[in-house]
N, C-alpha and C. Protein backbone atom coordinates (compact mmCIF):
# COMPACT_ATOMS: atom_id res chain seq x y z
N MET A 1 0.77 -1.15 0.00
CA MET A 1 -0.02 -0.05 -0.01
C MET A 1 1.05 1.30 0.05
N GLY A 2 0.59 2.05 -0.85
CA GLY A 2 1.41 3.29 -1.09
C GLY A 2 0.71 4.50 -0.37
N ILE A 3 1.42 5.52 -0.39
CA ILE A 3 0.89 6.79 0.13
C ILE A 3 0.37 7.73 -1.06
N ARG A 4 -0.89 8.14 -0.82
CA ARG A 4 -1.45 8.74 -1.92
C ARG A 4 -1.14 10.27 -1.75
N PRO A 5 -1.05 11.17 -2.93
CA PRO A 5 -0.59 12.42 -2.82
C PRO A 5 -1.36 13.24 -1.91
N VAL A 6 -2.52 13.05 -1.61
CA VAL A 6 -3.43 13.77 -0.68
C VAL A 6 -2.72 13.55 0.70
N ASP A 7 -2.52 12.34 1.04
CA ASP A 7 -2.08 11.88 2.42
C ASP A 7 -0.54 12.46 2.45
N MET A 8 0.09 12.53 1.47
CA MET A 8 1.44 13.00 1.50
C MET A 8 1.50 14.43 1.89
N GLN A 9 0.54 15.24 1.54
CA GLN A 9 0.43 16.65 1.83
C GLN A 9 0.26 16.87 3.29
N ILE A 10 -0.53 15.95 3.86
CA ILE A 10 -0.85 16.00 5.43
C ILE A 10 0.28 15.43 6.16
N VAL A 11 0.99 14.44 5.72
CA VAL A 11 2.01 13.81 6.53
C VAL A 11 3.34 14.64 6.54
N MET A 12 3.72 15.30 5.50
CA MET A 12 4.88 16.06 5.48
C MET A 12 4.82 17.18 6.48
N PRO A 13 3.82 18.13 6.53
CA PRO A 13 3.89 19.20 7.66
C PRO A 13 4.02 18.54 9.00
N LYS A 14 3.13 17.45 9.20
CA LYS A 14 3.28 16.85 10.52
C LYS A 14 4.60 16.24 10.98
N SER A 15 5.33 15.77 9.99
CA SER A 15 6.62 15.26 10.26
C SER A 15 7.59 16.47 10.67
N ALA A 16 7.42 17.54 10.14
CA ALA A 16 8.34 18.73 10.37
C ALA A 16 7.95 19.28 11.76
N GLU A 17 6.74 19.14 12.21
CA GLU A 17 6.29 19.70 13.45
C GLU A 17 6.81 18.60 14.55
N ALA A 18 6.81 17.34 14.17
CA ALA A 18 7.28 16.41 15.09
C ALA A 18 8.89 16.63 15.31
N GLY A 19 9.65 16.97 14.26
CA GLY A 19 11.04 17.07 14.36
C GLY A 19 11.38 18.39 15.22
N LYS A 20 10.49 19.36 15.06
CA LYS A 20 10.67 20.60 15.82
C LYS A 20 10.35 20.28 17.38
N VAL A 21 9.33 19.50 17.69
CA VAL A 21 9.11 18.93 19.03
C VAL A 21 10.44 18.42 19.54
N GLY A 22 11.16 17.54 18.87
CA GLY A 22 12.22 16.83 19.32
C GLY A 22 13.42 17.78 19.60
N GLN A 23 13.44 18.84 18.65
CA GLN A 23 14.61 19.78 18.81
C GLN A 23 14.28 20.74 20.10
N ASP A 24 13.11 21.05 20.31
CA ASP A 24 12.75 21.91 21.40
C ASP A 24 13.08 21.07 22.78
N SER A 25 12.93 20.00 22.80
CA SER A 25 13.16 19.12 24.07
C SER A 25 14.62 19.24 24.37
N ALA A 26 15.40 19.09 23.42
CA ALA A 26 16.84 18.88 23.46
C ALA A 26 17.49 20.31 23.75
N ARG A 27 16.78 21.34 23.23
CA ARG A 27 17.27 22.82 23.39
C ARG A 27 17.47 23.21 24.80
N PRO A 28 16.61 23.00 25.76
CA PRO A 28 17.01 23.50 27.16
C PRO A 28 18.16 22.93 27.72
N ASP A 29 18.31 21.69 27.55
CA ASP A 29 19.66 20.94 28.00
C ASP A 29 20.85 21.54 27.49
N LEU A 30 20.92 21.86 26.18
CA LEU A 30 21.99 22.52 25.55
C LEU A 30 22.18 23.91 25.96
N GLN A 31 21.14 24.66 26.25
CA GLN A 31 21.28 26.01 26.81
C GLN A 31 21.86 26.00 28.16
N ALA A 32 21.34 25.05 29.02
CA ALA A 32 21.87 24.92 30.31
C ALA A 32 23.37 24.73 30.35
N GLN A 33 23.61 23.84 29.62
CA GLN A 33 24.97 23.35 29.48
C GLN A 33 26.07 24.52 29.12
N GLN A 34 25.56 25.25 27.97
CA GLN A 34 26.31 26.47 27.53
C GLN A 34 26.32 27.46 28.71
N PHE A 35 25.22 27.81 29.30
CA PHE A 35 25.29 28.69 30.54
C PHE A 35 26.17 28.30 31.62
N ALA A 36 26.21 26.96 31.87
CA ALA A 36 27.19 26.65 32.99
C ALA A 36 28.64 26.69 32.38
N GLN A 37 28.88 26.47 31.23
CA GLN A 37 30.22 26.83 30.77
C GLN A 37 30.56 28.34 30.81
N GLN A 38 29.65 29.22 30.53
CA GLN A 38 29.96 30.62 30.33
C GLN A 38 30.11 31.19 31.84
N LEU A 39 29.30 30.70 32.74
CA LEU A 39 29.53 30.87 34.18
C LEU A 39 30.90 30.51 34.79
N GLN A 40 31.24 29.30 34.41
CA GLN A 40 32.56 28.68 34.80
C GLN A 40 33.66 29.68 34.31
N LYS A 41 33.56 30.18 32.93
CA LYS A 41 34.81 30.93 32.41
C LYS A 41 34.64 32.23 33.18
N GLN A 42 33.50 32.78 33.51
CA GLN A 42 33.40 34.02 34.11
C GLN A 42 33.96 34.03 35.56
N VAL A 43 33.69 32.92 36.33
CA VAL A 43 34.28 32.76 37.55
C VAL A 43 35.76 32.82 37.56
N GLN A 44 36.46 31.96 36.54
CA GLN A 44 37.78 31.89 36.41
C GLN A 44 38.41 33.37 36.15
N VAL A 45 37.72 34.06 35.06
CA VAL A 45 38.20 35.47 34.81
C VAL A 45 38.18 36.35 36.02
N ASP A 46 37.11 36.30 36.90
CA ASP A 46 37.04 37.19 37.98
C ASP A 46 37.99 36.73 39.08
N GLN A 47 38.37 35.37 39.15
CA GLN A 47 39.35 35.11 40.24
C GLN A 47 40.71 35.67 39.71
N GLN A 48 41.01 35.57 38.46
CA GLN A 48 42.35 35.92 38.02
C GLN A 48 42.43 37.52 38.09
N HIS A 49 41.26 38.26 37.93
CA HIS A 49 41.31 39.62 37.91
C HIS A 49 41.63 39.95 39.39
N VAL A 50 41.01 39.31 40.46
CA VAL A 50 41.35 39.70 41.73
C VAL A 50 42.73 39.36 42.08
N MET A 51 43.31 38.44 41.68
CA MET A 51 44.73 37.96 41.96
C MET A 51 45.80 39.07 41.37
N HIS A 52 45.33 39.53 40.05
CA HIS A 52 46.23 40.47 39.54
C HIS A 52 46.11 41.84 40.21
N THR A 53 44.90 42.11 40.58
CA THR A 53 44.74 43.32 41.42
C THR A 53 45.57 43.43 42.50
N ASN A 54 45.67 42.32 43.36
CA ASN A 54 46.41 42.20 44.61
C ASN A 54 47.92 42.65 44.25
N LYS A 55 48.32 42.08 43.02
CA LYS A 55 49.67 42.34 42.60
C LYS A 55 49.86 43.84 42.28
N SER A 56 48.98 44.32 41.62
CA SER A 56 49.05 45.70 41.37
C SER A 56 49.11 46.49 42.56
N GLU A 57 48.32 46.32 43.53
CA GLU A 57 48.27 47.11 44.72
C GLU A 57 49.64 47.04 45.50
N LYS A 58 50.23 45.91 45.46
CA LYS A 58 51.62 45.61 46.08
C LYS A 58 52.68 46.72 45.23
N ASP A 59 52.44 46.55 44.01
CA ASP A 59 53.30 47.28 43.23
C ASP A 59 53.13 48.83 43.45
N ILE A 60 52.02 49.24 43.55
CA ILE A 60 51.73 50.60 43.89
C ILE A 60 52.28 51.11 45.26
N ASP A 61 52.02 50.26 46.37
CA ASP A 61 52.54 50.44 47.63
C ASP A 61 54.10 50.58 47.60
N ASN A 62 54.77 49.81 46.77
CA ASN A 62 56.18 49.89 46.72
C ASN A 62 56.61 51.01 46.01
N GLU A 63 55.89 51.44 44.99
CA GLU A 63 56.22 52.69 44.29
C GLU A 63 56.17 53.98 45.07
N GLU A 64 54.97 53.97 46.02
CA GLU A 64 54.77 54.96 46.89
C GLU A 64 55.89 54.98 47.94
N LYS A 65 56.37 54.04 48.55
CA LYS A 65 57.43 53.98 49.42
C LYS A 65 58.58 54.37 48.84
N GLU A 66 58.90 53.96 47.61
CA GLU A 66 60.12 54.40 46.90
C GLU A 66 60.08 55.97 46.60
N ARG A 67 58.89 56.43 46.28
CA ARG A 67 58.93 57.83 45.95
C ARG A 67 58.99 58.65 47.23
N LYS A 68 58.40 58.38 48.36
CA LYS A 68 58.63 58.83 49.63
C LYS A 68 59.98 58.79 50.14
N ARG A 69 60.74 57.73 49.85
CA ARG A 69 62.10 57.66 50.25
C ARG A 69 62.83 58.74 49.35
N LYS A 70 62.68 58.64 48.16
CA LYS A 70 63.46 59.60 47.32
C LYS A 70 63.23 61.15 47.60
N ASN A 71 62.04 61.45 47.98
CA ASN A 71 61.58 62.75 48.36
C ASN A 71 62.34 63.14 49.63
N ALA A 72 62.36 62.20 50.59
CA ALA A 72 63.04 62.48 51.89
C ALA A 72 64.52 62.71 51.71
N GLU A 73 65.19 61.87 50.80
CA GLU A 73 66.55 62.03 50.52
C GLU A 73 66.92 63.33 49.81
N LYS A 74 65.90 63.68 48.94
CA LYS A 74 66.07 64.97 48.13
C LYS A 74 66.00 66.11 49.15
N GLN A 75 64.95 66.08 50.07
CA GLN A 75 64.91 67.16 51.10
C GLN A 75 66.01 67.25 51.91
N GLU A 76 66.55 66.07 52.36
CA GLU A 76 67.77 66.04 53.27
C GLU A 76 69.02 66.67 52.51
N ARG A 77 69.21 66.43 51.21
CA ARG A 77 70.20 67.02 50.33
C ARG A 77 70.01 68.56 50.16
N GLU A 78 68.74 68.99 50.03
CA GLU A 78 68.50 70.48 49.81
C GLU A 78 68.78 71.14 51.27
N LYS A 79 68.46 70.44 52.40
CA LYS A 79 68.70 71.00 53.71
C LYS A 79 70.05 71.14 54.01
N GLN A 80 70.96 70.10 53.61
CA GLN A 80 72.29 70.21 53.73
C GLN A 80 73.05 71.20 53.07
N ARG A 81 72.47 71.51 51.71
CA ARG A 81 73.06 72.41 50.84
C ARG A 81 72.63 73.83 51.35
N GLY A 82 71.33 73.89 51.87
CA GLY A 82 70.98 75.22 52.54
C GLY A 82 71.77 75.63 53.79
N GLN A 83 72.24 74.65 54.52
CA GLN A 83 72.99 74.82 55.72
C GLN A 83 74.48 75.26 55.19
N ALA A 84 74.90 74.59 54.23
CA ALA A 84 76.36 74.93 53.67
C ALA A 84 76.36 76.34 53.07
N ASP A 85 75.31 76.61 52.26
CA ASP A 85 75.20 77.85 51.74
C ASP A 85 74.91 79.00 52.85
N ALA A 86 74.36 78.71 53.91
CA ALA A 86 73.96 79.78 54.98
C ALA A 86 75.43 80.06 55.70
N ARG A 87 76.23 78.85 55.90
CA ARG A 87 77.40 79.12 56.34
C ARG A 87 78.44 80.13 55.63
N SER A 88 78.45 79.64 54.20
CA SER A 88 79.26 80.53 53.33
C SER A 88 78.84 81.88 53.29
N GLN A 89 77.66 81.96 53.23
CA GLN A 89 76.94 83.43 52.94
C GLN A 89 77.43 84.20 54.36
N GLY A 90 77.12 83.56 55.46
CA GLY A 90 77.39 84.27 56.67
C GLY A 90 78.75 84.65 56.84
N GLY A 91 79.75 84.00 56.37
CA GLY A 91 81.16 84.33 56.48
C GLY A 91 81.42 85.60 55.38
N ALA A 92 80.65 85.47 54.34
CA ALA A 92 80.86 86.59 53.39
C ALA A 92 80.23 87.86 53.71
N ALA A 93 79.24 87.83 54.49
CA ALA A 93 78.57 88.95 54.98
C ALA A 93 79.52 89.62 56.10
N GLU A 94 80.05 88.94 56.86
CA GLU A 94 80.88 89.39 57.82
C GLU A 94 82.15 90.20 57.21
N GLN A 95 82.59 89.50 56.07
CA GLN A 95 83.82 90.16 55.42
C GLN A 95 83.35 91.49 54.80
N ARG A 96 82.15 91.37 54.27
CA ARG A 96 81.56 92.85 53.69
C ARG A 96 81.40 93.77 54.63
N ARG A 97 81.04 93.39 55.94
CA ARG A 97 80.87 94.43 56.95
C ARG A 97 82.23 95.04 57.31
N GLU A 98 83.17 94.16 57.22
CA GLU A 98 84.52 94.60 57.72
C GLU A 98 85.02 95.61 56.71
N LYS A 99 84.73 95.32 55.46
CA LYS A 99 85.32 96.12 54.49
C LYS A 99 84.68 97.43 54.38
N ARG A 100 83.45 97.52 54.85
CA ARG A 100 82.73 98.82 54.73
C ARG A 100 83.19 99.83 55.93
N MET A 101 83.63 99.21 56.94
CA MET A 101 84.05 99.97 58.13
C MET A 101 85.27 100.84 57.78
N ILE A 102 85.15 102.22 57.96
CA ILE A 102 86.33 102.99 57.83
C ILE A 102 86.66 103.54 59.27
N ASP A 103 87.95 103.38 59.47
CA ASP A 103 88.61 103.81 60.78
C ASP A 103 89.11 105.03 60.62
N ILE A 104 88.42 106.15 61.30
CA ILE A 104 88.75 107.47 61.15
C ILE A 104 89.29 108.01 62.52
N SER A 105 90.49 108.40 62.41
CA SER A 105 91.05 108.83 63.90
C SER A 105 91.41 110.51 63.56
N VAL A 106 90.99 111.05 64.58
CA VAL A 106 91.22 112.61 64.46
C VAL A 106 92.04 112.94 65.59
């Protein structure tokens, strides 16, 4: 017994619908699996981000300490130069005063 053309017109759309039903039932499992994989990747990225942030914070702390140390050294050098300049200028000022004094005897 064969399939008549009229029956074929009815059977073909129904077979396509049956295939869609089968795909729809498999689709939620696939979506859940993909979502779980994406979530796993996001967790790994977040964990690495936190680890790298801690490294950066340590580097920033070290840079700040180094900058403060250099500034302190620079201020100390300037202070020592200022004291040396004051000593040399103080001696020169006294010499100028002595040169300006005129000894007048009458």
